Structures are given as C-alpha cells and as structure tokens.
Amino acid sequence: MSIKIERLNDQFQKEISIILQTEVKNQDIQFVTITGCEITNDLSFCKVYFTVLDDTKKESVLEALKKSASFIRSELSQRVEIRHTPELRFIYDDSIEYGNKIEKIIEKINEE
C-alpha cells in the first residue's frame, strides 16, 4: 500500500468521524465509532469500518449510514484535497466483538 493511500485512509477516518459528530443530524449515527478506512488503489471506493455502542442497533445504523453516504462524501470532497472522492461503503467492524469472544474463552480456560 502506498504512503499516499495510507495517509488518505487516516485522513478519511478522522474527517468522517468529525462529519458524523457535527454535521449529520440522524440520531442513530451519533454513537458510531469509525474504526478504519480502506481506499482502493484506484481511489474509486472506500470501505469505512464502524462499530456502535449498542449491538442491537447495528442494522439500523448501517441503513442510516448508507442513506447519509452521499452527504458524507460531498462533505469529504470539500475537506480533503483529492481530485475524485471515492464512493463510500460502510461495513460493520466485528473485530472488537471477536476480541471480546477470544478474551472470554481465555478467561474460561484460566479458571479451569
């Protein structure tokens, strides 16, 4: 991965987080954490990974994010100097859930 793409990934993650906190008015999106961004080498797509505090709301939050994607993209185009702003694809990041599951398994093994 090029340094430019890595820099853009970090910048997108930061800017999308700020946009969600300050610009988007949807209540479902307020407690979303952006955990990472992966922009393709041709800059056409950006996978945006997110988590939510309440796991029961992840489907409704995903729908809300999809509906807000074009607004978030237009805000990004104004904040990030890039010729073509990639299309955003939101993906629920289950790595934290996976980590918690592994942690519980280890605790259970240590108890035995």
C-alpha atoms as a PDB file:
ATOM      1  CA  MET A   1       0.000   0.000   0.000  1.00  0.00           C
ATOM      2  CA  SER A   2       1.374   3.389  -0.936  1.00  0.00           C
ATOM      3  CA  ILE A   3       2.082   6.113   1.574  1.00  0.00           C
ATOM      4  CA  LYS A   4      -0.467   8.347  -0.167  1.00  0.00           C
ATOM      5  CA  ILE A   5      -3.237   5.750   0.293  1.00  0.00           C
ATOM      6  CA  GLU A   6      -2.284   5.230   3.964  1.00  0.00           C
ATOM      7  CA  ARG A   7      -2.362   8.979   4.553  1.00  0.00           C
ATOM      8  CA  LEU A   8      -5.750   9.240   2.832  1.00  0.00           C
ATOM      9  CA  ASN A   9      -7.098   6.327   4.920  1.00  0.00           C
ATOM     10  CA  ASP A  10      -6.132   8.125   8.135  1.00  0.00           C
ATOM     11  CA  GLN A  11      -7.465  11.455   6.897  1.00  0.00           C
ATOM     12  CA  PHE A  12     -10.768   9.919   5.768  1.00  0.00           C
ATOM     13  CA  GLN A  13     -11.213   8.147   9.111  1.00  0.00           C
ATOM     14  CA  LYS A  14     -10.671  11.390  11.016  1.00  0.00           C
ATOM     15  CA  GLU A  15     -12.856  13.541   8.751  1.00  0.00           C
ATOM     16  CA  ILE A  16     -15.741  11.035   8.577  1.00  0.00           C
ATOM     17  CA  SER A  17     -15.742  10.848  12.397  1.00  0.00           C
ATOM     18  CA  ILE A  18     -15.937  14.639  12.627  1.00  0.00           C
ATOM     19  CA  ILE A  19     -18.691  14.812   9.977  1.00  0.00           C
ATOM     20  CA  LEU A  20     -20.764  12.182  11.813  1.00  0.00           C
ATOM     21  CA  GLN A  21     -20.421  14.030  15.118  1.00  0.00           C
ATOM     22  CA  THR A  22     -21.034  17.554  13.874  1.00  0.00           C
ATOM     23  CA  GLU A  23     -22.882  17.560  10.548  1.00  0.00           C
ATOM     24  CA  VAL A  24     -25.191  14.521  10.319  1.00  0.00           C
ATOM     25  CA  LYS A  25     -28.468  15.098  12.132  1.00  0.00           C
ATOM     26  CA  ASN A  26     -29.623  11.456  12.279  1.00  0.00           C
ATOM     27  CA  GLN A  27     -29.890  10.278  15.914  1.00  0.00           C
ATOM     28  CA  ASP A  28     -28.930   6.683  15.022  1.00  0.00           C
ATOM     29  CA  ILE A  29     -25.497   7.794  13.833  1.00  0.00           C
ATOM     30  CA  GLN A  30     -24.476   9.774  16.915  1.00  0.00           C
ATOM     31  CA  PHE A  31     -22.874   6.855  18.770  1.00  0.00           C
ATOM     32  CA  VAL A  32     -20.922   5.434  15.836  1.00  0.00           C
ATOM     33  CA  THR A  33     -17.166   4.951  16.012  1.00  0.00           C
ATOM     34  CA  ILE A  34     -15.216   4.842  12.761  1.00  0.00           C
ATOM     35  CA  THR A  35     -12.534   2.190  13.288  1.00  0.00           C
ATOM     36  CA  GLY A  36     -10.810   2.392   9.929  1.00  0.00           C
ATOM     37  CA  CYS A  37     -10.900   3.188   6.227  1.00  0.00           C
ATOM     38  CA  GLU A  38      -9.512   1.253   3.265  1.00  0.00           C
ATOM     39  CA  ILE A  39      -9.323   3.133  -0.007  1.00  0.00           C
ATOM     40  CA  THR A  40      -8.711   1.118  -3.172  1.00  0.00           C
ATOM     41  CA  ASN A  41      -5.540   1.856  -5.174  1.00  0.00           C
ATOM     42  CA  ASP A  42      -7.555   3.439  -7.991  1.00  0.00           C
ATOM     43  CA  LEU A  43      -9.340   5.708  -5.460  1.00  0.00           C
ATOM     44  CA  SER A  44     -12.784   4.589  -6.655  1.00  0.00           C
ATOM     45  CA  PHE A  45     -14.058   3.005  -3.413  1.00  0.00           C
ATOM     46  CA  CYS A  46     -13.505   3.414   0.294  1.00  0.00           C
ATOM     47  CA  LYS A  47     -14.531   0.772   2.811  1.00  0.00           C
ATOM     48  CA  VAL A  48     -15.458   2.545   6.034  1.00  0.00           C
ATOM     49  CA  TYR A  49     -15.417   0.271   9.085  1.00  0.00           C
ATOM     50  CA  PHE A  50     -17.569   1.232  12.062  1.00  0.00           C
ATOM     51  CA  THR A  51     -18.794  -0.024  15.432  1.00  0.00           C
ATOM     52  CA  VAL A  52     -21.714   1.004  17.628  1.00  0.00           C
ATOM     53  CA  LEU A  53     -22.162   1.016  21.398  1.00  0.00           C
ATOM     54  CA  ASP A  54     -25.467  -0.855  21.215  1.00  0.00           C
ATOM     55  CA  ASP A  55     -25.054  -4.039  19.133  1.00  0.00           C
ATOM     56  CA  THR A  56     -28.817  -4.364  18.695  1.00  0.00           C
ATOM     57  CA  LYS A  57     -28.830  -1.183  16.588  1.00  0.00           C
ATOM     58  CA  LYS A  58     -26.086  -2.143  14.126  1.00  0.00           C
ATOM     59  CA  GLU A  59     -28.540  -2.900  11.278  1.00  0.00           C
ATOM     60  CA  SER A  60     -30.447   0.382  11.685  1.00  0.00           C
ATOM     61  CA  VAL A  61     -27.166   2.301  11.963  1.00  0.00           C
ATOM     62  CA  LEU A  62     -25.856   0.631   8.790  1.00  0.00           C
ATOM     63  CA  GLU A  63     -29.012   1.698   6.923  1.00  0.00           C
ATOM     64  CA  ALA A  64     -28.709   5.250   8.269  1.00  0.00           C
ATOM     65  CA  LEU A  65     -25.059   5.402   7.203  1.00  0.00           C
ATOM     66  CA  LYS A  66     -25.921   4.155   3.714  1.00  0.00           C
ATOM     67  CA  LYS A  67     -28.590   6.852   3.393  1.00  0.00           C
ATOM     68  CA  SER A  68     -26.111   9.510   4.572  1.00  0.00           C
ATOM     69  CA  ALA A  69     -23.242   8.270   2.373  1.00  0.00           C
ATOM     70  CA  SER A  70     -23.719  10.808  -0.424  1.00  0.00           C
ATOM     71  CA  PHE A  71     -23.882  13.702   2.061  1.00  0.00           C
ATOM     72  CA  ILE A  72     -20.767  12.437   3.876  1.00  0.00           C
ATOM     73  CA  ARG A  73     -18.980  12.031   0.534  1.00  0.00           C
ATOM     74  CA  SER A  74     -19.823  15.584  -0.523  1.00  0.00           C
ATOM     75  CA  GLU A  75     -18.564  16.908   2.830  1.00  0.00           C
ATOM     76  CA  LEU A  76     -15.359  14.888   2.401  1.00  0.00           C
ATOM     77  CA  SER A  77     -14.801  16.352  -1.056  1.00  0.00           C
ATOM     78  CA  GLN A  78     -14.776  19.833   0.491  1.00  0.00           C
ATOM     79  CA  ARG A  79     -12.445  18.873   3.368  1.00  0.00           C
ATOM     80  CA  VAL A  80      -9.917  16.542   1.725  1.00  0.00           C
ATOM     81  CA  GLU A  81      -7.841  17.678  -1.255  1.00  0.00           C
ATOM     82  CA  ILE A  82      -8.364  14.860  -3.703  1.00  0.00           C
ATOM     83  CA  ARG A  83      -9.390  15.009  -7.360  1.00  0.00           C
ATOM     84  CA  HIS A  84     -12.021  12.266  -7.120  1.00  0.00           C
ATOM     85  CA  THR A  85     -13.669  11.426  -3.790  1.00  0.00           C
ATOM     86  CA  PRO A  86     -14.191   7.644  -3.599  1.00  0.00           C
ATOM     87  CA  GLU A  87     -17.598   6.045  -3.201  1.00  0.00           C
ATOM     88  CA  LEU A  88     -18.178   5.106   0.451  1.00  0.00           C
ATOM     89  CA  ARG A  89     -19.125   1.589   1.534  1.00  0.00           C
ATOM     90  CA  PHE A  90     -19.941   1.148   5.215  1.00  0.00           C
ATOM     91  CA  ILE A  91     -19.048  -2.179   6.839  1.00  0.00           C
ATOM     92  CA  TYR A  92     -19.708  -3.203  10.433  1.00  0.00           C
ATOM     93  CA  ASP A  93     -16.380  -3.942  12.158  1.00  0.00           C
ATOM     94  CA  ASP A  94     -16.802  -7.111  14.202  1.00  0.00           C
ATOM     95  CA  SER A  95     -13.135  -7.321  15.253  1.00  0.00           C
ATOM     96  CA  ILE A  96     -13.965  -5.876  18.698  1.00  0.00           C
ATOM     97  CA  GLU A  97     -16.696  -8.494  19.191  1.00  0.00           C
ATOM     98  CA  TYR A  98     -14.249 -11.161  18.059  1.00  0.00           C
ATOM     99  CA  GLY A  99     -11.616  -9.869  20.505  1.00  0.00           C
ATOM    100  CA  ASN A 100     -14.118  -9.959  23.389  1.00  0.00           C
ATOM    101  CA  LYS A 101     -15.098 -13.517  22.475  1.00  0.00           C
ATOM    102  CA  ILE A 102     -11.438 -14.641  22.495  1.00  0.00           C
ATOM    103  CA  GLU A 103     -10.904 -12.857  25.823  1.00  0.00           C
ATOM    104  CA  LYS A 104     -13.844 -14.730  27.404  1.00  0.00           C
ATOM    105  CA  ILE A 105     -12.506 -18.048  26.102  1.00  0.00           C
ATOM    106  CA  ILE A 106      -9.075 -17.326  27.612  1.00  0.00           C
ATOM    107  CA  GLU A 107     -10.657 -16.348  30.956  1.00  0.00           C
ATOM    108  CA  LYS A 108     -12.674 -19.587  30.939  1.00  0.00           C
ATOM    109  CA  ILE A 109      -9.521 -21.642  30.258  1.00  0.00           C
ATOM    110  CA  ASN A 110      -7.650 -19.867  33.071  1.00  0.00           C
ATOM    111  CA  GLU A 111     -10.469 -20.623  35.532  1.00  0.00           C
ATOM    112  CA  GLU A 112     -10.210 -24.366  34.804  1.00  0.00           C
END
